[in-house]
Amino acid sequence: MSDNFMPAGPAAPAPAERLQELVDAGVPEHLRPWFADLGVGGLVVKMGIRFLEMSPQRTVATMPVEGNTQVAGILHGGAHVVLAETLGSFAAAIHAGPGREALGIEVGATHHRSVSSGLVTGTATAIQLGRTLTVHEVVMTDEAGRRLSTARITNLIRERR
């Protein structure tokens, strides 16, 4: 659907491009068939997010500060939230299993300190893995291991339509 305010988006990537997207984003080989129809999403690609570990209980990824800064030259607060929601949503999707999907219904973050260069690491840890809801705490740290922000994301689990 398109209207006067939202231009039509680009066409969905072809299957081979989606597979390459999964490989480039660090999605483990055993999970690639699961996400093959969807890829990782354009925002994950644009933000430079790369997965290091993926499970419902714990999902870890990195994101470069460069290219994701605000006007003051520090990592944009919204970038923290993008990383948090990405990690929590992928962890919830893995928990949901085939034929089901995870939809983010709430996300909130507290920023503790800024960072102006390097890589940020986000670690999503499950707080609750239920039949219809998941909750993950996501901690973002800098390369020295200092906590930059803490987020919490809740996902609704439902049958895929």
C-alpha atoms as a PDB file:
ATOM      1  CA  MET A   1       0.000   0.000   0.000  1.00  0.00           C
ATOM      2  CA  SER A   2       1.225   3.470  -0.822  1.00  0.00           C
ATOM      3  CA  ASP A   3      -0.155   6.918  -0.086  1.00  0.00           C
ATOM      4  CA  ASN A   4       0.944  10.510  -0.554  1.00  0.00           C
ATOM      5  CA  PHE A   5       3.168  10.360   2.510  1.00  0.00           C
ATOM      6  CA  MET A   6       4.909   7.006   2.065  1.00  0.00           C
ATOM      7  CA  PRO A   7       6.604   6.246  -1.247  1.00  0.00           C
ATOM      8  CA  ALA A   8       6.538   2.664  -2.430  1.00  0.00           C
ATOM      9  CA  GLY A   9       9.491   0.792  -0.964  1.00  0.00           C
ATOM     10  CA  PRO A  10      12.061  -1.146  -2.932  1.00  0.00           C
ATOM     11  CA  ALA A  11      11.188  -4.593  -4.207  1.00  0.00           C
ATOM     12  CA  ALA A  12      11.850  -7.481  -1.826  1.00  0.00           C
ATOM     13  CA  PRO A  13      15.275  -9.067  -2.295  1.00  0.00           C
ATOM     14  CA  ALA A  14      15.506 -12.204  -4.434  1.00  0.00           C
ATOM     15  CA  PRO A  15      16.068 -15.523  -2.608  1.00  0.00           C
ATOM     16  CA  ALA A  16      19.804 -15.547  -3.410  1.00  0.00           C
ATOM     17  CA  GLU A  17      20.145 -11.981  -2.097  1.00  0.00           C
ATOM     18  CA  ARG A  18      18.263 -12.918   1.095  1.00  0.00           C
ATOM     19  CA  LEU A  19      20.602 -15.875   1.651  1.00  0.00           C
ATOM     20  CA  GLN A  20      23.632 -13.611   1.179  1.00  0.00           C
ATOM     21  CA  GLU A  21      22.045 -11.096   3.561  1.00  0.00           C
ATOM     22  CA  LEU A  22      21.781 -13.842   6.212  1.00  0.00           C
ATOM     23  CA  VAL A  23      25.395 -14.915   5.658  1.00  0.00           C
ATOM     24  CA  ASP A  24      26.676 -11.318   5.776  1.00  0.00           C
ATOM     25  CA  ALA A  25      24.725 -10.654   8.996  1.00  0.00           C
ATOM     26  CA  GLY A  26      26.312 -13.680  10.684  1.00  0.00           C
ATOM     27  CA  VAL A  27      23.131 -15.767  11.010  1.00  0.00           C
ATOM     28  CA  PRO A  28      24.282 -19.295  11.880  1.00  0.00           C
ATOM     29  CA  GLU A  29      23.939 -21.814   9.063  1.00  0.00           C
ATOM     30  CA  HIS A  30      21.397 -23.965  10.919  1.00  0.00           C
ATOM     31  CA  LEU A  31      19.038 -20.948  11.239  1.00  0.00           C
ATOM     32  CA  ARG A  32      19.346 -19.702   7.637  1.00  0.00           C
ATOM     33  CA  PRO A  33      16.568 -21.930   6.222  1.00  0.00           C
ATOM     34  CA  TRP A  34      14.267 -20.616   8.940  1.00  0.00           C
ATOM     35  CA  PHE A  35      14.810 -16.961   7.953  1.00  0.00           C
ATOM     36  CA  ALA A  36      15.299 -17.601   4.217  1.00  0.00           C
ATOM     37  CA  ASP A  37      11.890 -16.221   3.243  1.00  0.00           C
ATOM     38  CA  LEU A  38      12.398 -12.943   5.076  1.00  0.00           C
ATOM     39  CA  GLY A  39      16.127 -12.248   5.335  1.00  0.00           C
ATOM     40  CA  VAL A  40      17.281 -10.031   8.197  1.00  0.00           C
ATOM     41  CA  GLY A  41      15.497  -6.875   7.076  1.00  0.00           C
ATOM     42  CA  GLY A  42      16.749  -3.727   5.443  1.00  0.00           C
ATOM     43  CA  LEU A  43      17.362  -1.839   8.689  1.00  0.00           C
ATOM     44  CA  VAL A  44      19.671  -4.567  10.043  1.00  0.00           C
ATOM     45  CA  VAL A  45      21.680  -4.280   6.823  1.00  0.00           C
ATOM     46  CA  LYS A  46      21.757  -0.451   6.898  1.00  0.00           C
ATOM     47  CA  MET A  47      22.824  -0.338  10.559  1.00  0.00           C
ATOM     48  CA  GLY A  48      25.626  -2.880   9.997  1.00  0.00           C
ATOM     49  CA  ILE A  49      24.333  -5.301  12.659  1.00  0.00           C
ATOM     50  CA  ARG A  50      26.198  -8.620  12.743  1.00  0.00           C
ATOM     51  CA  PHE A  51      25.032 -11.571  14.837  1.00  0.00           C
ATOM     52  CA  LEU A  52      27.557 -13.476  16.946  1.00  0.00           C
ATOM     53  CA  GLU A  53      25.216 -15.810  18.834  1.00  0.00           C
ATOM     54  CA  MET A  54      21.522 -16.632  18.343  1.00  0.00           C
ATOM     55  CA  SER A  55      19.187 -18.563  20.627  1.00  0.00           C
ATOM     56  CA  PRO A  56      15.925 -17.788  22.446  1.00  0.00           C
ATOM     57  CA  GLN A  57      17.782 -17.482  25.747  1.00  0.00           C
ATOM     58  CA  ARG A  58      20.675 -15.326  24.517  1.00  0.00           C
ATOM     59  CA  THR A  59      21.260 -13.436  21.283  1.00  0.00           C
ATOM     60  CA  VAL A  60      24.374 -11.298  20.749  1.00  0.00           C
ATOM     61  CA  ALA A  61      25.299  -8.923  17.919  1.00  0.00           C
ATOM     62  CA  THR A  62      27.590  -6.015  17.158  1.00  0.00           C
ATOM     63  CA  MET A  63      26.869  -2.716  15.447  1.00  0.00           C
ATOM     64  CA  PRO A  64      29.370  -0.063  14.329  1.00  0.00           C
ATOM     65  CA  VAL A  65      29.107   3.413  15.800  1.00  0.00           C
ATOM     66  CA  GLU A  66      30.290   4.908  12.506  1.00  0.00           C
ATOM     67  CA  GLY A  67      27.313   5.663  10.283  1.00  0.00           C
ATOM     68  CA  ASN A  68      24.873   5.421  13.207  1.00  0.00           C
ATOM     69  CA  THR A  69      25.647   8.697  14.989  1.00  0.00           C
ATOM     70  CA  GLN A  70      23.604  11.763  15.788  1.00  0.00           C
ATOM     71  CA  VAL A  71      24.681  15.329  15.054  1.00  0.00           C
ATOM     72  CA  ALA A  72      26.902  15.504  18.186  1.00  0.00           C
ATOM     73  CA  GLY A  73      29.018  12.627  16.824  1.00  0.00           C
ATOM     74  CA  ILE A  74      27.872  10.003  19.348  1.00  0.00           C
ATOM     75  CA  LEU A  75      25.853   6.844  18.764  1.00  0.00           C
ATOM     76  CA  HIS A  76      22.234   7.854  18.216  1.00  0.00           C
ATOM     77  CA  GLY A  77      19.875   6.795  21.016  1.00  0.00           C
ATOM     78  CA  GLY A  78      17.558   5.364  18.388  1.00  0.00           C
ATOM     79  CA  ALA A  79      20.393   3.153  17.157  1.00  0.00           C
ATOM     80  CA  HIS A  80      20.608   1.638  20.647  1.00  0.00           C
ATOM     81  CA  VAL A  81      16.894   0.871  20.443  1.00  0.00           C
ATOM     82  CA  VAL A  82      17.182  -0.569  16.919  1.00  0.00           C
ATOM     83  CA  LEU A  83      19.885  -2.960  18.122  1.00  0.00           C
ATOM     84  CA  ALA A  84      17.836  -3.894  21.201  1.00  0.00           C
ATOM     85  CA  GLU A  85      14.647  -4.533  19.250  1.00  0.00           C
ATOM     86  CA  THR A  86      16.524  -6.515  16.613  1.00  0.00           C
ATOM     87  CA  LEU A  87      18.115  -8.788  19.206  1.00  0.00           C
ATOM     88  CA  GLY A  88      14.951  -9.291  21.249  1.00  0.00           C
ATOM     89  CA  SER A  89      12.817  -9.886  18.178  1.00  0.00           C
ATOM     90  CA  PHE A  90      15.155 -12.449  16.629  1.00  0.00           C
ATOM     91  CA  ALA A  91      15.460 -14.279  19.964  1.00  0.00           C
ATOM     92  CA  ALA A  92      11.663 -14.288  20.292  1.00  0.00           C
ATOM     93  CA  ALA A  93      11.230 -15.499  16.698  1.00  0.00           C
ATOM     94  CA  ILE A  94      13.563 -18.418  17.342  1.00  0.00           C
ATOM     95  CA  HIS A  95      11.599 -19.222  20.511  1.00  0.00           C
ATOM     96  CA  ALA A  96       8.301 -19.000  18.591  1.00  0.00           C
ATOM     97  CA  GLY A  97       9.376 -21.725  16.193  1.00  0.00           C
ATOM     98  CA  PRO A  98       8.333 -22.555  12.635  1.00  0.00           C
ATOM     99  CA  GLY A  99       4.889 -21.363  11.582  1.00  0.00           C
ATOM    100  CA  ARG A 100       4.765 -18.718  14.308  1.00  0.00           C
ATOM    101  CA  GLU A 101       6.014 -15.141  14.447  1.00  0.00           C
ATOM    102  CA  ALA A 102       7.143 -12.618  17.025  1.00  0.00           C
ATOM    103  CA  LEU A 103       5.812  -9.072  17.009  1.00  0.00           C
ATOM    104  CA  GLY A 104       7.349  -6.397  19.198  1.00  0.00           C
ATOM    105  CA  ILE A 105       4.686  -4.771  21.358  1.00  0.00           C
ATOM    106  CA  GLU A 106       6.804  -2.745  23.787  1.00  0.00           C
ATOM    107  CA  VAL A 107      10.365  -1.503  23.943  1.00  0.00           C
ATOM    108  CA  GLY A 108      12.029   0.944  26.304  1.00  0.00           C
ATOM    109  CA  ALA A 109      15.616   1.960  26.913  1.00  0.00           C
ATOM    110  CA  THR A 110      17.739   3.834  29.410  1.00  0.00           C
ATOM    111  CA  HIS A 111      20.987   5.360  28.149  1.00  0.00           C
ATOM    112  CA  HIS A 112      23.859   5.323  30.640  1.00  0.00           C
ATOM    113  CA  ARG A 113      26.825   6.703  28.699  1.00  0.00           C
ATOM    114  CA  SER A 114      27.762   7.770  25.176  1.00  0.00           C
ATOM    115  CA  VAL A 115      30.172   6.319  22.657  1.00  0.00           C
ATOM    116  CA  SER A 116      31.683   8.011  19.606  1.00  0.00           C
ATOM    117  CA  SER A 117      33.649   5.248  17.878  1.00  0.00           C
ATOM    118  CA  GLY A 118      34.172   1.518  17.602  1.00  0.00           C
ATOM    119  CA  LEU A 119      31.717  -1.339  17.886  1.00  0.00           C
ATOM    120  CA  VAL A 120      28.798  -1.662  20.245  1.00  0.00           C
ATOM    121  CA  THR A 121      27.829  -5.151  21.420  1.00  0.00           C
ATOM    122  CA  GLY A 122      24.245  -5.924  22.340  1.00  0.00           C
ATOM    123  CA  THR A 123      23.326  -8.958  24.432  1.00  0.00           C
ATOM    124  CA  ALA A 124      19.672  -9.985  24.744  1.00  0.00           C
ATOM    125  CA  THR A 125      18.943 -12.248  27.701  1.00  0.00           C
ATOM    126  CA  ALA A 126      15.542 -13.876  28.151  1.00  0.00           C
ATOM    127  CA  ILE A 127      13.559 -12.837  31.195  1.00  0.00           C
ATOM    128  CA  GLN A 128      10.392 -14.719  30.168  1.00  0.00           C
ATOM    129  CA  LEU A 129       9.855 -17.203  27.329  1.00  0.00           C
ATOM    130  CA  GLY A 130       6.150 -17.967  27.333  1.00  0.00           C
ATOM    131  CA  ARG A 131       3.693 -19.449  24.867  1.00  0.00           C
ATOM    132  CA  THR A 132       2.338 -16.041  23.785  1.00  0.00           C
ATOM    133  CA  LEU A 133       4.777 -13.476  25.219  1.00  0.00           C
ATOM    134  CA  THR A 134       8.531 -13.145  25.529  1.00  0.00           C
ATOM    135  CA  VAL A 135      10.491 -10.520  27.447  1.00  0.00           C
ATOM    136  CA  HIS A 136      14.205  -9.868  26.934  1.00  0.00           C
ATOM    137  CA  GLU A 137      16.625  -7.517  28.643  1.00  0.00           C
ATOM    138  CA  VAL A 138      19.172  -6.129  26.206  1.00  0.00           C
ATOM    139  CA  VAL A 139      22.438  -4.614  27.416  1.00  0.00           C
ATOM    140  CA  MET A 140      24.603  -2.584  25.029  1.00  0.00           C
ATOM    141  CA  THR A 141      28.308  -2.254  25.854  1.00  0.00           C
ATOM    142  CA  ASP A 142      31.316  -0.566  24.283  1.00  0.00           C
ATOM    143  CA  GLU A 143      34.552  -2.311  23.347  1.00  0.00           C
ATOM    144  CA  ALA A 144      35.856  -1.860  26.911  1.00  0.00           C
ATOM    145  CA  GLY A 145      32.788  -3.670  28.279  1.00  0.00           C
ATOM    146  CA  ARG A 146      31.219  -0.522  29.758  1.00  0.00           C
ATOM    147  CA  ARG A 147      27.406  -0.497  29.810  1.00  0.00           C
ATOM    148  CA  LEU A 148      26.026   2.083  27.387  1.00  0.00           C
ATOM    149  CA  SER A 149      22.326   1.356  27.643  1.00  0.00           C
ATOM    150  CA  THR A 150      19.813  -1.112  28.967  1.00  0.00           C
ATOM    151  CA  ALA A 151      16.592  -1.945  27.137  1.00  0.00           C
ATOM    152  CA  ARG A 152      13.669  -4.260  27.610  1.00  0.00           C
ATOM    153  CA  ILE A 153      11.538  -5.632  24.781  1.00  0.00           C
ATOM    154  CA  THR A 154       8.292  -7.572  24.931  1.00  0.00           C
ATOM    155  CA  ASN A 155       7.179  -9.633  21.931  1.00  0.00           C
ATOM    156  CA  LEU A 156       3.806 -11.174  21.193  1.00  0.00           C
ATOM    157  CA  ILE A 157       3.979 -14.689  19.735  1.00  0.00           C
ATOM    158  CA  ARG A 158       1.268 -15.678  17.267  1.00  0.00           C
ATOM    159  CA  GLU A 159       0.611 -18.014  14.373  1.00  0.00           C
ATOM    160  CA  ARG A 160       2.069 -16.726  11.100  1.00  0.00           C
ATOM    161  CA  ARG A 161      -0.610 -15.481   8.719  1.00  0.00           C
END
